[in-house]
Each structure stands twice: as structure tokens, then as C-alpha cells.
């Protein structure tokens, strides 16, 4: 007797990690922007303070560069916050 070929079973794969939009996603993003803005402002101000207190030339330059970088990132988060508010106002 000849053997019959078995058909391959087709299975659907359900995605477990699908991203679902929730109503609180805007509030979570707003909180995240605020936290990062405050964090980088504190880091920038701390670097400026250490820049003024340290007498070593290398550390003085290092804290100056860190203050510029952290201030730039904080400014970027400030712009992002303003865009977030503008989009929220346009949606209403």
C-alpha cells in the first residue's frame, strides 16, 4: 500500500506583544517629557555649579562641556514640551 502524504497544518500566530493605544498615552508622554526636562536641567545646573567651583583646568573644561551638552538636551525637551502643548491645543 502506498503511503499518503500528510498536509502541513497551517497555524495562525497571534502576536502577543501588540501595542495598543490607550487613552493615557498622552499623559504618560507628558510625564516622561517633564521628568526628563527636570533631570537634564538639574544636571546642567549642577555642571555649571561645578564648573564655577573647580580650580583644576581639565575638570573646569569638562564641566563646561557637560553643562553645554546637558543644557542643549534640556532645551530640546523644552521644545518637545511646547510642541506637545501645541498639538494638544490643536486637537481640541
PDB file of N, CA and C in Angstrom:
ATOM      1  N   UNK A   1       0.813  -1.164   0.000  1.00  0.00           N
ATOM      2  CA  UNK A   1       0.000   0.000   0.000  1.00  0.00           C
ATOM      3  C   UNK A   1       0.874   1.251   0.000  1.00  0.00           C
ATOM      4  N   UNK A   2       0.506   2.222  -0.780  1.00  0.00           N
ATOM      5  CA  UNK A   2       1.283   3.456  -0.866  1.00  0.00           C
ATOM      6  C   UNK A   2       0.935   4.378   0.302  1.00  0.00           C
ATOM      7  N   UNK A   3       1.962   5.046   0.766  1.00  0.00           N
ATOM      8  CA  UNK A   3       1.745   5.975   1.888  1.00  0.00           C
ATOM      9  C   UNK A   3       1.178   7.287   1.370  1.00  0.00           C
ATOM     10  N   UNK A   4       0.287   7.826   2.108  1.00  0.00           N
ATOM     11  CA  UNK A   4      -0.302   9.105   1.748  1.00  0.00           C
ATOM     12  C   UNK A   4       0.526  10.244   2.313  1.00  0.00           C
ATOM     13  N   UNK A   5       0.632  11.293   1.539  1.00  0.00           N
ATOM     14  CA  UNK A   5       1.335  12.471   2.044  1.00  0.00           C
ATOM     15  C   UNK A   5       0.422  13.224   2.998  1.00  0.00           C
ATOM     16  N   UNK A   6       1.008  13.638   4.106  1.00  0.00           N
ATOM     17  CA  UNK A   6       0.238  14.402   5.073  1.00  0.00           C
ATOM     18  C   UNK A   6       0.343  15.881   4.730  1.00  0.00           C
ATOM     19  N   UNK A   7      -0.744  16.560   4.851  1.00  0.00           N
ATOM     20  CA  UNK A   7      -0.734  18.001   4.615  1.00  0.00           C
ATOM     21  C   UNK A   7      -0.153  18.722   5.821  1.00  0.00           C
ATOM     22  N   UNK A   8       0.593  19.755   5.521  1.00  0.00           N
ATOM     23  CA  UNK A   8       1.139  20.569   6.605  1.00  0.00           C
ATOM     24  C   UNK A   8       0.016  21.407   7.217  1.00  0.00           C
ATOM     25  N   UNK A   9      -0.013  21.427   8.499  1.00  0.00           N
ATOM     26  CA  UNK A   9      -1.061  22.158   9.200  1.00  0.00           C
ATOM     27  C   UNK A   9      -0.688  23.634   9.223  1.00  0.00           C
ATOM     28  N   UNK A  10      -1.588  24.460   8.746  1.00  0.00           N
ATOM     29  CA  UNK A  10      -1.345  25.896   8.780  1.00  0.00           C
ATOM     30  C   UNK A  10      -1.851  26.440  10.100  1.00  0.00           C
ATOM     31  N   UNK A  11      -0.985  27.178  10.747  1.00  0.00           N
ATOM     32  CA  UNK A  11      -1.348  27.747  12.039  1.00  0.00           C
ATOM     33  C   UNK A  11      -1.213  29.255  11.978  1.00  0.00           C
ATOM     34  N   UNK A  12      -2.108  29.890  12.641  1.00  0.00           N
ATOM     35  CA  UNK A  12      -2.031  31.344  12.756  1.00  0.00           C
ATOM     36  C   UNK A  12      -1.245  31.679  14.009  1.00  0.00           C
ATOM     37  N   UNK A  13      -0.355  32.601  13.859  1.00  0.00           N
ATOM     38  CA  UNK A  13       0.438  33.029  15.002  1.00  0.00           C
ATOM     39  C   UNK A  13      -0.137  34.354  15.495  1.00  0.00           C
ATOM     40  N   UNK A  14      -0.569  34.342  16.715  1.00  0.00           N
ATOM     41  CA  UNK A  14      -1.080  35.566  17.316  1.00  0.00           C
ATOM     42  C   UNK A  14       0.079  36.341  17.917  1.00  0.00           C
ATOM     43  N   UNK A  15       0.100  37.609  17.671  1.00  0.00           N
ATOM     44  CA  UNK A  15       1.153  38.447  18.222  1.00  0.00           C
ATOM     45  C   UNK A  15       0.813  38.772  19.669  1.00  0.00           C
ATOM     46  N   UNK A  16       1.676  38.393  20.538  1.00  0.00           N
ATOM     47  CA  UNK A  16       1.443  38.629  21.950  1.00  0.00           C
ATOM     48  C   UNK A  16       1.779  40.065  22.310  1.00  0.00           C
ATOM     49  N   UNK A  17       2.832  40.603  21.732  1.00  0.00           N
ATOM     50  CA  UNK A  17       3.308  41.927  22.103  1.00  0.00           C
ATOM     51  C   UNK A  17       2.762  43.051  21.258  1.00  0.00           C
ATOM     52  N   UNK A  18       1.510  42.983  20.848  1.00  0.00           N
ATOM     53  CA  UNK A  18       0.960  44.070  20.056  1.00  0.00           C
ATOM     54  C   UNK A  18       0.780  45.302  20.920  1.00  0.00           C
ATOM     55  N   UNK A  19       1.015  46.428  20.329  1.00  0.00           N
ATOM     56  CA  UNK A  19       0.911  47.687  21.036  1.00  0.00           C
ATOM     57  C   UNK A  19      -0.496  48.232  20.859  1.00  0.00           C
ATOM     58  N   UNK A  20      -1.135  48.491  21.954  1.00  0.00           N
ATOM     59  CA  UNK A  20      -2.469  49.048  21.900  1.00  0.00           C
ATOM     60  C   UNK A  20      -2.419  50.464  22.440  1.00  0.00           C
ATOM     61  N   UNK A  21      -3.066  51.352  21.716  1.00  0.00           N
ATOM     62  CA  UNK A  21      -3.105  52.726  22.185  1.00  0.00           C
ATOM     63  C   UNK A  21      -4.109  52.827  23.325  1.00  0.00           C
ATOM     64  N   UNK A  22      -3.669  53.474  24.350  1.00  0.00           N
ATOM     65  CA  UNK A  22      -4.562  53.709  25.469  1.00  0.00           C
ATOM     66  C   UNK A  22      -4.858  55.194  25.551  1.00  0.00           C
ATOM     67  N   UNK A  23      -5.848  55.519  26.324  1.00  0.00           N
ATOM     68  CA  UNK A  23      -6.218  56.919  26.454  1.00  0.00           C
ATOM     69  C   UNK A  23      -5.207  57.685  27.290  1.00  0.00           C
ATOM     70  N   UNK A  24      -4.440  56.996  28.116  1.00  0.00           N
ATOM     71  CA  UNK A  24      -3.484  57.651  28.983  1.00  0.00           C
ATOM     72  C   UNK A  24      -2.110  57.797  28.336  1.00  0.00           C
ATOM     73  N   UNK A  25      -1.957  57.441  27.092  1.00  0.00           N
ATOM     74  CA  UNK A  25      -0.636  57.517  26.471  1.00  0.00           C
ATOM     75  C   UNK A  25      -0.146  58.954  26.400  1.00  0.00           C
ATOM     76  N   UNK A  26      -1.046  59.904  26.203  1.00  0.00           N
ATOM     77  CA  UNK A  26      -0.659  61.313  26.190  1.00  0.00           C
ATOM     78  C   UNK A  26      -0.191  61.774  27.553  1.00  0.00           C
ATOM     79  N   UNK A  27      -0.862  61.327  28.595  1.00  0.00           N
ATOM     80  CA  UNK A  27      -0.470  61.704  29.952  1.00  0.00           C
ATOM     81  C   UNK A  27       0.872  61.082  30.319  1.00  0.00           C
ATOM     82  N   UNK A  28       1.093  59.844  29.869  1.00  0.00           N
ATOM     83  CA  UNK A  28       2.386  59.199  30.139  1.00  0.00           C
ATOM     84  C   UNK A  28       3.516  59.918  29.419  1.00  0.00           C
ATOM     85  N   UNK A  29       3.267  60.319  28.159  1.00  0.00           N
ATOM     86  CA  UNK A  29       4.294  61.041  27.410  1.00  0.00           C
ATOM     87  C   UNK A  29       4.580  62.395  28.052  1.00  0.00           C
ATOM     88  N   UNK A  30       3.519  63.063  28.503  1.00  0.00           N
ATOM     89  CA  UNK A  30       3.691  64.355  29.146  1.00  0.00           C
ATOM     90  C   UNK A  30       4.538  64.210  30.409  1.00  0.00           C
ATOM     91  N   UNK A  31       4.245  63.204  31.222  1.00  0.00           N
ATOM     92  CA  UNK A  31       5.022  62.975  32.434  1.00  0.00           C
ATOM     93  C   UNK A  31       6.466  62.636  32.139  1.00  0.00           C
ATOM     94  N   UNK A  32       6.688  61.863  31.094  1.00  0.00           N
ATOM     95  CA  UNK A  32       8.048  61.491  30.717  1.00  0.00           C
ATOM     96  C   UNK A  32       8.844  62.703  30.235  1.00  0.00           C
ATOM     97  N   UNK A  33       8.192  63.569  29.474  1.00  0.00           N
ATOM     98  CA  UNK A  33       8.865  64.778  28.991  1.00  0.00           C
ATOM     99  C   UNK A  33       9.239  65.677  30.168  1.00  0.00           C
ATOM    100  N   UNK A  34       8.300  65.843  31.115  1.00  0.00           N
ATOM    101  CA  UNK A  34       8.566  66.687  32.276  1.00  0.00           C
ATOM    102  C   UNK A  34       9.707  66.122  33.119  1.00  0.00           C
ATOM    103  N   UNK A  35       9.697  64.805  33.351  1.00  0.00           N
ATOM    104  CA  UNK A  35      10.757  64.184  34.149  1.00  0.00           C
ATOM    105  C   UNK A  35      12.123  64.366  33.496  1.00  0.00           C
ATOM    106  N   UNK A  36      12.191  64.140  32.198  1.00  0.00           N
ATOM    107  CA  UNK A  36      13.471  64.292  31.504  1.00  0.00           C
ATOM    108  C   UNK A  36      13.919  65.747  31.459  1.00  0.00           C
ATOM    109  N   UNK A  37      12.978  66.667  31.292  1.00  0.00           N
ATOM    110  CA  UNK A  37      13.321  68.083  31.290  1.00  0.00           C
ATOM    111  C   UNK A  37      13.912  68.491  32.635  1.00  0.00           C
ATOM    112  N   UNK A  38      13.265  68.086  33.715  1.00  0.00           N
ATOM    113  CA  UNK A  38      13.762  68.426  35.053  1.00  0.00           C
ATOM    114  C   UNK A  38      15.114  67.773  35.311  1.00  0.00           C
ATOM    115  N   UNK A  39      15.261  66.519  34.899  1.00  0.00           N
ATOM    116  CA  UNK A  39      16.526  65.812  35.107  1.00  0.00           C
ATOM    117  C   UNK A  39      17.682  66.518  34.411  1.00  0.00           C
ATOM    118  N   UNK A  40      17.498  66.860  33.138  1.00  0.00           N
ATOM    119  CA  UNK A  40      18.596  67.485  32.408  1.00  0.00           C
ATOM    120  C   UNK A  40      18.823  68.929  32.838  1.00  0.00           C
ATOM    121  N   UNK A  41      17.789  69.603  33.328  1.00  0.00           N
ATOM    122  CA  UNK A  41      18.009  70.934  33.895  1.00  0.00           C
ATOM    123  C   UNK A  41      18.854  70.855  35.162  1.00  0.00           C
ATOM    124  N   UNK A  42      18.554  69.888  36.011  1.00  0.00           N
ATOM    125  CA  UNK A  42      19.332  69.715  37.244  1.00  0.00           C
ATOM    126  C   UNK A  42      20.772  69.331  36.913  1.00  0.00           C
ATOM    127  N   UNK A  43      20.952  68.429  35.971  1.00  0.00           N
ATOM    128  CA  UNK A  43      22.319  68.040  35.578  1.00  0.00           C
ATOM    129  C   UNK A  43      23.081  69.210  34.978  1.00  0.00           C
ATOM    130  N   UNK A  44      22.403  70.021  34.192  1.00  0.00           N
ATOM    131  CA  UNK A  44      23.053  71.183  33.590  1.00  0.00           C
ATOM    132  C   UNK A  44      23.438  72.210  34.654  1.00  0.00           C
ATOM    133  N   UNK A  45      22.509  72.484  35.564  1.00  0.00           N
ATOM    134  CA  UNK A  45      22.816  73.446  36.626  1.00  0.00           C
ATOM    135  C   UNK A  45      23.906  72.920  37.552  1.00  0.00           C
ATOM    136  N   UNK A  46      23.907  71.615  37.819  1.00  0.00           N
ATOM    137  CA  UNK A  46      24.973  71.020  38.625  1.00  0.00           C
ATOM    138  C   UNK A  46      26.328  71.122  37.940  1.00  0.00           C
ATOM    139  N   UNK A  47      26.344  70.944  36.638  1.00  0.00           N
ATOM    140  CA  UNK A  47      27.604  71.072  35.896  1.00  0.00           C
ATOM    141  C   UNK A  47      28.098  72.512  35.891  1.00  0.00           C
ATOM    142  N   UNK A  48      27.165  73.458  35.784  1.00  0.00           N
ATOM    143  CA  UNK A  48      27.561  74.875  35.826  1.00  0.00           C
ATOM    144  C   UNK A  48      28.124  75.221  37.200  1.00  0.00           C
ATOM    145  N   UNK A  49      27.466  74.709  38.247  1.00  0.00           N
ATOM    146  CA  UNK A  49      27.945  74.958  39.602  1.00  0.00           C
ATOM    147  C   UNK A  49      29.332  74.369  39.807  1.00  0.00           C
ATOM    148  N   UNK A  50      29.542  73.135  39.359  1.00  0.00           N
ATOM    149  CA  UNK A  50      30.861  72.511  39.498  1.00  0.00           C
ATOM    150  C   UNK A  50      31.900  73.203  38.622  1.00  0.00           C
ATOM    151  N   UNK A  51      31.483  73.726  37.487  1.00  0.00           N
ATOM    152  CA  UNK A  51      32.394  74.478  36.620  1.00  0.00           C
ATOM    153  C   UNK A  51      32.928  75.709  37.346  1.00  0.00           C
ATOM    154  N   UNK A  52      32.059  76.342  38.109  1.00  0.00           N
ATOM    155  CA  UNK A  52      32.481  77.543  38.828  1.00  0.00           C
ATOM    156  C   UNK A  52      33.276  77.229  40.088  1.00  0.00           C
ATOM    157  N   UNK A  53      33.081  76.068  40.693  1.00  0.00           N
ATOM    158  CA  UNK A  53      33.746  75.737  41.949  1.00  0.00           C
ATOM    159  C   UNK A  53      35.112  75.084  41.775  1.00  0.00           C
ATOM    160  N   UNK A  54      35.330  74.371  40.677  1.00  0.00           N
ATOM    161  CA  UNK A  54      36.559  73.593  40.488  1.00  0.00           C
ATOM    162  C   UNK A  54      37.670  74.514  39.983  1.00  0.00           C
ATOM    163  N   UNK A  55      38.880  74.304  40.522  1.00  0.00           N
ATOM    164  CA  UNK A  55      40.022  75.113  40.092  1.00  0.00           C
ATOM    165  C   UNK A  55      40.909  74.380  39.081  1.00  0.00           C
ATOM    166  N   UNK A  56      40.797  73.067  39.000  1.00  0.00           N
ATOM    167  CA  UNK A  56      41.585  72.302  38.044  1.00  0.00           C
ATOM    168  C   UNK A  56      41.110  72.629  36.626  1.00  0.00           C
ATOM    169  N   UNK A  57      42.062  72.908  35.735  1.00  0.00           N
ATOM    170  CA  UNK A  57      41.703  73.340  34.385  1.00  0.00           C
ATOM    171  C   UNK A  57      40.986  72.246  33.592  1.00  0.00           C
ATOM    172  N   UNK A  58      41.459  71.010  33.714  1.00  0.00           N
ATOM    173  CA  UNK A  58      40.832  69.909  32.979  1.00  0.00           C
ATOM    174  C   UNK A  58      39.388  69.707  33.438  1.00  0.00           C
ATOM    175  N   UNK A  59      39.175  69.647  34.744  1.00  0.00           N
ATOM    176  CA  UNK A  59      37.816  69.462  35.263  1.00  0.00           C
ATOM    177  C   UNK A  59      36.927  70.662  34.959  1.00  0.00           C
ATOM    178  N   UNK A  60      37.530  71.842  34.970  1.00  0.00           N
ATOM    179  CA  UNK A  60      36.792  73.052  34.636  1.00  0.00           C
ATOM    180  C   UNK A  60      36.253  72.973  33.206  1.00  0.00           C
ATOM    181  N   UNK A  61      37.109  72.568  32.277  1.00  0.00           N
ATOM    182  CA  UNK A  61      36.675  72.418  30.882  1.00  0.00           C
ATOM    183  C   UNK A  61      35.674  71.271  30.712  1.00  0.00           C
ATOM    184  N   UNK A  62      35.878  70.184  31.455  1.00  0.00           N
ATOM    185  CA  UNK A  62      34.973  69.040  31.380  1.00  0.00           C
ATOM    186  C   UNK A  62      33.568  69.422  31.842  1.00  0.00           C
ATOM    187  N   UNK A  63      33.472  70.114  32.961  1.00  0.00           N
ATOM    188  CA  UNK A  63      32.160  70.517  33.454  1.00  0.00           C
ATOM    189  C   UNK A  63      31.518  71.566  32.554  1.00  0.00           C
ATOM    190  N   UNK A  64      32.326  72.374  31.907  1.00  0.00           N
ATOM    191  CA  UNK A  64      31.787  73.355  30.959  1.00  0.00           C
ATOM    192  C   UNK A  64      31.147  72.651  29.752  1.00  0.00           C
ATOM    193  N   UNK A  65      31.835  71.671  29.230  1.00  0.00           N
ATOM    194  CA  UNK A  65      31.297  70.918  28.087  1.00  0.00           C
ATOM    195  C   UNK A  65      30.053  70.137  28.509  1.00  0.00           C
ATOM    196  N   UNK A  66      30.088  69.524  29.696  1.00  0.00           N
ATOM    197  CA  UNK A  66      28.914  68.804  30.193  1.00  0.00           C
ATOM    198  C   UNK A  66      27.724  69.744  30.369  1.00  0.00           C
ATOM    199  N   UNK A  67      27.975  70.952  30.843  1.00  0.00           N
ATOM    200  CA  UNK A  67      26.893  71.912  31.025  1.00  0.00           C
ATOM    201  C   UNK A  67      26.280  72.297  29.679  1.00  0.00           C
ATOM    202  N   UNK A  68      27.117  72.462  28.675  1.00  0.00           N
ATOM    203  CA  UNK A  68      26.603  72.806  27.342  1.00  0.00           C
ATOM    204  C   UNK A  68      25.772  71.654  26.779  1.00  0.00           C
ATOM    205  N   UNK A  69      26.272  70.432  26.892  1.00  0.00           N
ATOM    206  CA  UNK A  69      25.551  69.271  26.350  1.00  0.00           C
ATOM    207  C   UNK A  69      24.231  69.058  27.088  1.00  0.00           C
ATOM    208  N   UNK A  70      24.267  69.079  28.411  1.00  0.00           N
ATOM    209  CA  UNK A  70      23.041  68.862  29.195  1.00  0.00           C
ATOM    210  C   UNK A  70      22.043  70.002  28.980  1.00  0.00           C
ATOM    211  N   UNK A  71      22.546  71.217  28.838  1.00  0.00           N
ATOM    212  CA  UNK A  71      21.656  72.339  28.565  1.00  0.00           C
ATOM    213  C   UNK A  71      20.996  72.227  27.207  1.00  0.00           C
ATOM    214  N   UNK A  72      21.722  71.735  26.229  1.00  0.00           N
ATOM    215  CA  UNK A  72      21.161  71.542  24.892  1.00  0.00           C
ATOM    216  C   UNK A  72      20.071  70.470  24.905  1.00  0.00           C
ATOM    217  N   UNK A  73      20.308  69.393  25.629  1.00  0.00           N
ATOM    218  CA  UNK A  73      19.302  68.335  25.733  1.00  0.00           C
ATOM    219  C   UNK A  73      18.069  68.846  26.477  1.00  0.00           C
ATOM    220  N   UNK A  74      18.281  69.630  27.539  1.00  0.00           N
ATOM    221  CA  UNK A  74      17.152  70.201  28.272  1.00  0.00           C
ATOM    222  C   UNK A  74      16.362  71.157  27.381  1.00  0.00           C
ATOM    223  N   UNK A  75      17.054  71.922  26.553  1.00  0.00           N
ATOM    224  CA  UNK A  75      16.382  72.826  25.616  1.00  0.00           C
ATOM    225  C   UNK A  75      15.567  72.032  24.591  1.00  0.00           C
ATOM    226  N   UNK A  76      16.091  70.886  24.162  1.00  0.00           N
ATOM    227  CA  UNK A  76      15.354  70.036  23.227  1.00  0.00           C
ATOM    228  C   UNK A  76      14.075  69.502  23.873  1.00  0.00           C
ATOM    229  N   UNK A  77      14.148  69.125  25.134  1.00  0.00           N
ATOM    230  CA  UNK A  77      12.941  68.672  25.824  1.00  0.00           C
ATOM    231  C   UNK A  77      11.956  69.816  26.033  1.00  0.00           C
ATOM    232  N   UNK A  78      12.452  71.026  26.218  1.00  0.00           N
ATOM    233  CA  UNK A  78      11.567  72.175  26.332  1.00  0.00           C
ATOM    234  C   UNK A  78      10.825  72.421  25.024  1.00  0.00           C
ATOM    235  N   UNK A  79      11.519  72.307  23.909  1.00  0.00           N
ATOM    236  CA  UNK A  79      10.874  72.444  22.599  1.00  0.00           C
ATOM    237  C   UNK A  79       9.857  71.330  22.398  1.00  0.00           C
ATOM    238  N   UNK A  80      10.196  70.112  22.803  1.00  0.00           N
ATOM    239  CA  UNK A  80       9.275  68.990  22.694  1.00  0.00           C
ATOM    240  C   UNK A  80       8.025  69.215  23.542  1.00  0.00           C
ATOM    241  N   UNK A  81       8.188  69.797  24.713  1.00  0.00           N
ATOM    242  CA  UNK A  81       7.049  70.111  25.567  1.00  0.00           C
ATOM    243  C   UNK A  81       6.149  71.159  24.922  1.00  0.00           C
ATOM    244  N   UNK A  82       6.747  72.155  24.299  1.00  0.00           N
ATOM    245  CA  UNK A  82       5.961  73.192  23.614  1.00  0.00           C
ATOM    246  C   UNK A  82       5.200  72.601  22.429  1.00  0.00           C
ATOM    247  N   UNK A  83       5.824  71.708  21.692  1.00  0.00           N
ATOM    248  CA  UNK A  83       5.141  71.034  20.575  1.00  0.00           C
ATOM    249  C   UNK A  83       3.989  70.181  21.102  1.00  0.00           C
ATOM    250  N   UNK A  84       4.215  69.514  22.224  1.00  0.00           N
ATOM    251  CA  UNK A  84       3.179  68.689  22.828  1.00  0.00           C
ATOM    252  C   UNK A  84       1.967  69.538  23.210  1.00  0.00           C
ATOM    253  N   UNK A  85       2.224  70.700  23.813  1.00  0.00           N
ATOM    254  CA  UNK A  85       1.116  71.606  24.161  1.00  0.00           C
ATOM    255  C   UNK A  85       0.407  72.132  22.930  1.00  0.00           C
ATOM    256  N   UNK A  86       1.171  72.471  21.882  1.00  0.00           N
ATOM    257  CA  UNK A  86       0.559  72.983  20.655  1.00  0.00           C
ATOM    258  C   UNK A  86      -0.331  71.925  20.003  1.00  0.00           C
ATOM    259  N   UNK A  87       0.128  70.685  19.972  1.00  0.00           N
ATOM    260  CA  UNK A  87      -0.699  69.617  19.396  1.00  0.00           C
ATOM    261  C   UNK A  87      -1.938  69.357  20.240  1.00  0.00           C
ATOM    262  N   UNK A  88      -1.799  69.495  21.525  1.00  0.00           N
ATOM    263  CA  UNK A  88      -2.955  69.294  22.398  1.00  0.00           C
ATOM    264  C   UNK A  88      -3.992  70.394  22.189  1.00  0.00           C
ATOM    265  N   UNK A  89      -3.527  71.618  21.994  1.00  0.00           N
ATOM    266  CA  UNK A  89      -4.458  72.717  21.746  1.00  0.00           C
ATOM    267  C   UNK A  89      -5.124  72.606  20.373  1.00  0.00           C
ATOM    268  N   UNK A  90      -4.398  72.120  19.384  1.00  0.00           N
ATOM    269  CA  UNK A  90      -4.945  71.988  18.045  1.00  0.00           C
ATOM    270  C   UNK A  90      -5.966  70.848  17.976  1.00  0.00           C
ATOM    271  N   UNK A  91      -5.807  69.848  18.823  1.00  0.00           N
ATOM    272  CA  UNK A  91      -6.712  68.702  18.816  1.00  0.00           C
ATOM    273  C   UNK A  91      -8.084  69.089  19.364  1.00  0.00           C
ATOM    274  N   UNK A  92      -8.114  70.029  20.296  1.00  0.00           N
ATOM    275  CA  UNK A  92      -9.396  70.416  20.909  1.00  0.00           C
ATOM    276  C   UNK A  92     -10.173  71.357  20.078  1.00  0.00           C
TER     277      UNK A  92
END
